[in-house]
Amino acid sequence: MRTVKDVWEHHKVAFANANLEEVMLDYAEDCIYVTTNKSLVGKDKIRALYKNHFDTLEEGSSSSIISETIEGEIVFFEWTADSPSISISDGVDTFVIRNGYIVAQTMRATVVPK
């Protein structure tokens, strides 16, 4: 079984490469994704979220992880992102990784139009 660190490292690479299939390998079937005023339950809904994100990525977009903390089954990380049309300086995610899969994720970020 993959460790929390194994899942996290795989997820970072898959996301950076905008590889939807590899990203989705990290999620449990009944995973929960929670963000401001919205939650998604189930792998199919999270797949649709990532598909939309990857399909709409603009040429010249970039993101960086600025801190990460792993404690037990929890991964907390802060990130920034930049594209020709938006900027994010305060992204924060938390993953709960159990039995080799992401079972819960939270995300919060302020999107600033350019």
Protein backbone atom coordinates (compact mmCIF):
# COMPACT_ATOMS: atom_id res chain seq x y z
CA MET A 1 0.00 0.00 0.00
CA ARG A 2 1.21 3.52 -0.81
CA THR A 3 2.17 5.75 2.09
CA VAL A 4 0.85 9.27 2.64
CA LYS A 5 4.13 10.63 1.27
CA ASP A 6 3.95 8.30 -1.77
CA VAL A 7 0.45 9.54 -2.65
CA TRP A 8 1.42 13.17 -2.06
CA GLU A 9 4.56 12.96 -4.21
CA HIS A 10 2.66 11.20 -7.01
CA HIS A 11 -0.15 13.77 -6.86
CA LYS A 12 2.24 16.73 -7.11
CA VAL A 13 3.87 15.35 -10.26
CA ALA A 14 0.57 14.33 -11.87
CA PHE A 15 -0.96 17.75 -11.19
CA ALA A 16 2.11 19.63 -12.44
CA ASN A 17 1.89 17.63 -15.67
CA ALA A 18 -1.90 18.24 -15.96
CA ASN A 19 -2.33 14.47 -16.24
CA LEU A 20 -5.98 13.83 -15.36
CA GLU A 21 -5.74 10.04 -15.29
CA GLU A 22 -2.72 10.04 -13.00
CA VAL A 23 -4.29 12.67 -10.70
CA MET A 24 -7.43 10.57 -10.35
CA LEU A 25 -5.45 7.46 -9.38
CA ASP A 26 -4.83 9.19 -6.04
CA TYR A 27 -8.51 9.63 -5.07
CA ALA A 28 -10.78 7.16 -3.27
CA GLU A 29 -14.11 6.40 -4.95
CA ASP A 30 -16.05 8.13 -2.16
CA CYS A 31 -13.71 11.08 -1.69
CA ILE A 32 -14.94 14.49 -0.55
CA TYR A 33 -13.71 17.85 -1.90
CA VAL A 34 -14.69 20.95 0.09
CA THR A 35 -14.15 24.56 -0.92
CA THR A 36 -15.85 27.88 -0.24
CA ASN A 37 -19.64 27.39 -0.39
CA LYS A 38 -19.38 24.07 -2.25
CA SER A 39 -18.60 20.44 -1.69
CA LEU A 40 -18.24 17.58 -4.14
CA VAL A 41 -18.69 13.96 -3.15
CA GLY A 42 -17.41 11.12 -5.28
CA LYS A 43 -14.58 10.56 -7.71
CA ASP A 44 -16.68 11.38 -10.81
CA LYS A 45 -17.46 14.90 -9.56
CA ILE A 46 -13.83 15.53 -8.62
CA ARG A 47 -12.74 14.20 -12.04
CA ALA A 48 -15.03 16.76 -13.71
CA LEU A 49 -13.53 19.55 -11.59
CA TYR A 50 -9.96 18.63 -12.57
CA LYS A 51 -10.92 18.07 -16.22
CA ASN A 52 -12.36 21.58 -16.39
CA HIS A 53 -9.26 22.99 -14.68
CA PHE A 54 -6.82 21.26 -17.03
CA ASP A 55 -8.94 22.00 -20.14
CA THR A 56 -8.98 25.73 -19.35
CA LEU A 57 -5.32 26.17 -18.36
CA GLU A 58 -3.88 29.12 -20.24
CA GLU A 59 -0.55 29.06 -22.04
CA GLY A 60 2.04 30.52 -19.68
CA SER A 61 0.29 29.43 -16.46
CA SER A 62 2.40 28.38 -13.49
CA SER A 63 1.99 27.35 -9.88
CA SER A 64 4.33 26.81 -6.96
CA ILE A 65 4.06 25.09 -3.60
CA ILE A 66 5.47 27.47 -1.00
CA SER A 67 5.11 25.26 2.07
CA GLU A 68 4.00 21.75 2.91
CA THR A 69 3.44 19.93 6.18
CA ILE A 70 2.75 16.22 6.55
CA GLU A 71 1.47 14.91 9.87
CA GLY A 72 0.03 11.42 10.06
CA GLU A 73 -2.59 11.10 7.35
CA ILE A 74 -2.86 14.87 6.76
CA VAL A 75 -1.04 16.94 4.13
CA PHE A 76 -1.35 20.72 4.41
CA PHE A 77 0.19 22.94 1.75
CA GLU A 78 0.22 26.55 0.63
CA TRP A 79 0.60 27.52 -3.00
CA THR A 80 0.60 30.35 -5.51
CA ALA A 81 -0.50 30.43 -9.14
CA ASP A 82 -0.19 32.84 -12.01
CA SER A 83 -1.62 33.00 -15.53
CA PRO A 84 -2.12 35.69 -18.14
CA SER A 85 -5.60 36.43 -16.73
CA ILE A 86 -5.47 35.65 -12.97
CA SER A 87 -3.16 35.55 -9.98
CA ILE A 88 -3.44 33.61 -6.70
CA SER A 89 -1.08 34.41 -3.84
CA ASP A 90 -2.83 32.61 -0.97
CA GLY A 91 -3.84 29.11 -2.09
CA VAL A 92 -4.26 26.56 0.70
CA ASP A 93 -5.17 22.87 0.43
CA THR A 94 -5.46 20.05 2.92
CA PHE A 95 -5.57 16.37 1.99
CA VAL A 96 -6.57 13.48 4.20
CA ILE A 97 -4.84 10.39 2.80
CA ARG A 98 -5.94 7.03 4.14
CA ASN A 99 -5.17 3.50 2.94
CA GLY A 100 -3.23 4.82 -0.06
CA TYR A 101 -5.90 7.26 -1.34
CA ILE A 102 -7.03 10.83 -0.87
CA VAL A 103 -10.32 10.53 1.02
CA ALA A 104 -10.87 14.25 1.66
CA GLN A 105 -9.54 17.54 0.33
CA THR A 106 -10.17 21.15 1.21
CA MET A 107 -9.14 24.10 -0.95
CA ARG A 108 -9.26 27.86 -0.53
CA ALA A 109 -7.77 30.61 -2.69
CA THR A 110 -8.39 34.22 -3.64
CA VAL A 111 -8.48 34.60 -7.43
CA VAL A 112 -7.41 38.10 -8.49
CA PRO A 113 -8.20 39.04 -12.11
CA LYS A 114 -5.48 40.86 -14.03
